[in-house]
Amino acid sequence: MSTRIFALIGEGDLVENVIVLNEDDCLDENNEFSEAVAQRFIADVVALEGEWVETREDGYRIRYAGIGMKYERAYDCFVHAPSCSDAVFDEVNYVWLCPEDWDIEFLEDVLNDDTLD
């Protein structure tokens, strides 16, 4: 039996829960997996409210979601929540970096980024 894993996205886009569904409950009328069908199944049959987003261990959405992680909507990925208030998002490695983690190459990329105006 194949399964699909979904993460509940809560306040601040933090992962609050993770559940496992039977893949058969996530198939559309063409017998193909559909995240939307799975989301309806979670709401209507499992009776769990909220926003549920699929997560997998194969790199889909960058990494497998865990409780307490953050869902970065702009990048459609799961990341560990920043551990400091002045963290900067590394768009190459999809991680939050605190000042003590910054290296010269990263700082040069940030300083040369035209989108930061």
Protein backbone atom coordinates (compact mmCIF):
# COMPACT_ATOMS: atom_id res chain seq x y z
CA MET A 1 0.00 0.00 0.00
CA SER A 2 1.41 3.37 -1.02
CA THR A 3 1.01 6.35 1.24
CA ARG A 4 1.13 10.14 0.99
CA ILE A 5 2.21 12.47 3.78
CA PHE A 6 0.66 15.86 4.51
CA ALA A 7 1.72 18.68 6.80
CA LEU A 8 -0.72 21.01 8.56
CA ILE A 9 0.35 24.63 8.04
CA GLY A 10 -0.62 26.81 10.97
CA GLU A 11 -0.07 30.33 12.25
CA GLY A 12 3.11 31.91 10.97
CA ASP A 13 3.26 29.17 8.32
CA LEU A 14 4.68 26.73 10.89
CA VAL A 15 4.08 22.98 10.54
CA GLU A 16 1.77 21.93 13.37
CA ASN A 17 1.09 18.31 12.49
CA VAL A 18 1.94 15.62 9.94
CA ILE A 19 -0.41 12.83 8.86
CA VAL A 20 -0.18 9.81 6.56
CA LEU A 21 -2.91 8.97 4.04
CA ASN A 22 -3.50 5.89 1.93
CA GLU A 23 -2.70 6.94 -1.63
CA ASP A 24 -5.97 5.38 -2.84
CA ASP A 25 -7.77 8.15 -0.95
CA CYS A 26 -5.90 10.79 -2.97
CA LEU A 27 -6.72 9.67 -6.52
CA ASP A 28 -8.76 11.68 -8.98
CA GLU A 29 -11.27 10.41 -11.56
CA ASN A 30 -8.32 9.38 -13.82
CA ASN A 31 -6.83 7.31 -11.00
CA GLU A 32 -3.92 9.76 -10.66
CA PHE A 33 -2.68 11.36 -7.47
CA SER A 34 -4.17 14.80 -6.80
CA GLU A 35 -3.13 17.02 -3.91
CA ALA A 36 -6.50 18.76 -4.15
CA VAL A 37 -8.38 15.44 -3.83
CA ALA A 38 -6.24 14.57 -0.81
CA GLN A 39 -6.97 17.94 0.78
CA ARG A 40 -10.72 17.41 0.30
CA PHE A 41 -10.40 13.92 1.79
CA ILE A 42 -8.63 15.34 4.85
CA ALA A 43 -11.36 17.97 5.31
CA ASP A 44 -14.43 15.86 4.52
CA VAL A 45 -13.57 12.32 5.63
CA VAL A 46 -10.77 12.64 8.17
CA ALA A 47 -12.53 15.80 9.41
CA LEU A 48 -9.38 17.81 10.06
CA GLU A 49 -9.55 21.51 9.34
CA GLY A 50 -6.74 23.72 8.15
CA GLU A 51 -4.33 23.95 5.27
CA TRP A 52 -2.68 20.64 4.44
CA VAL A 53 0.33 20.51 2.09
CA GLU A 54 1.97 17.38 0.74
CA THR A 55 5.50 16.57 1.85
CA ARG A 56 7.81 13.77 0.73
CA GLU A 57 11.26 12.48 1.55
CA ASP A 58 12.40 12.65 -2.10
CA GLY A 59 13.23 16.35 -2.19
CA TYR A 60 9.78 17.50 -3.25
CA ARG A 61 9.35 20.93 -1.66
CA ILE A 62 13.10 20.77 -0.93
CA ARG A 63 12.87 18.70 2.25
CA TYR A 64 10.52 16.54 4.26
CA ALA A 65 8.37 18.59 6.65
CA GLY A 66 8.49 18.14 10.38
CA ILE A 67 6.54 19.70 13.22
CA GLY A 68 7.93 23.15 14.00
CA MET A 69 9.38 23.69 10.53
CA LYS A 70 8.27 26.64 8.40
CA TYR A 71 6.52 26.48 5.04
CA GLU A 72 8.07 29.16 2.82
CA ARG A 73 5.25 29.99 0.41
CA ALA A 74 7.38 32.12 -1.90
CA TYR A 75 9.61 29.10 -2.60
CA ASP A 76 7.03 26.33 -2.04
CA CYS A 77 9.38 24.56 0.35
CA PHE A 78 9.80 23.47 3.96
CA VAL A 79 12.66 24.91 5.99
CA HIS A 80 13.73 24.93 9.59
CA ALA A 81 12.37 28.06 11.26
CA PRO A 82 14.91 30.85 11.72
CA SER A 83 16.74 30.65 15.03
CA CYS A 84 17.35 34.38 15.30
CA SER A 85 15.34 37.53 14.62
CA ASP A 86 17.74 38.95 12.02
CA ALA A 87 18.05 35.84 9.84
CA VAL A 88 18.32 36.18 6.06
CA PHE A 89 16.92 33.57 3.68
CA ASP A 90 19.51 31.83 1.50
CA GLU A 91 17.66 31.29 -1.81
CA VAL A 92 20.30 28.88 -3.10
CA ASN A 93 20.25 26.38 -0.24
CA TYR A 94 16.75 27.18 1.05
CA VAL A 95 17.82 27.80 4.64
CA TRP A 96 17.62 30.69 7.09
CA LEU A 97 21.03 32.05 8.04
CA CYS A 98 21.77 34.04 11.18
CA PRO A 99 24.62 36.60 11.08
CA GLU A 100 27.08 34.15 12.62
CA ASP A 101 26.42 31.79 9.67
CA TRP A 102 27.09 34.36 6.96
CA ASP A 103 30.22 33.93 4.88
CA ILE A 104 31.88 36.38 2.50
CA GLU A 105 30.34 34.83 -0.64
CA PHE A 106 26.84 34.97 0.84
CA LEU A 107 27.28 38.61 1.91
CA GLU A 108 28.53 39.56 -1.56
CA ASP A 109 25.47 37.92 -3.12
CA VAL A 110 23.15 39.81 -0.76
CA LEU A 111 24.89 43.12 -1.32
CA ASN A 112 24.80 42.68 -5.11
CA ASP A 113 21.13 41.63 -5.21
CA ASP A 114 19.19 44.27 -7.16
CA THR A 115 15.88 43.05 -5.70
CA LEU A 116 16.75 44.39 -2.24
CA ASP A 117 16.12 48.04 -3.11
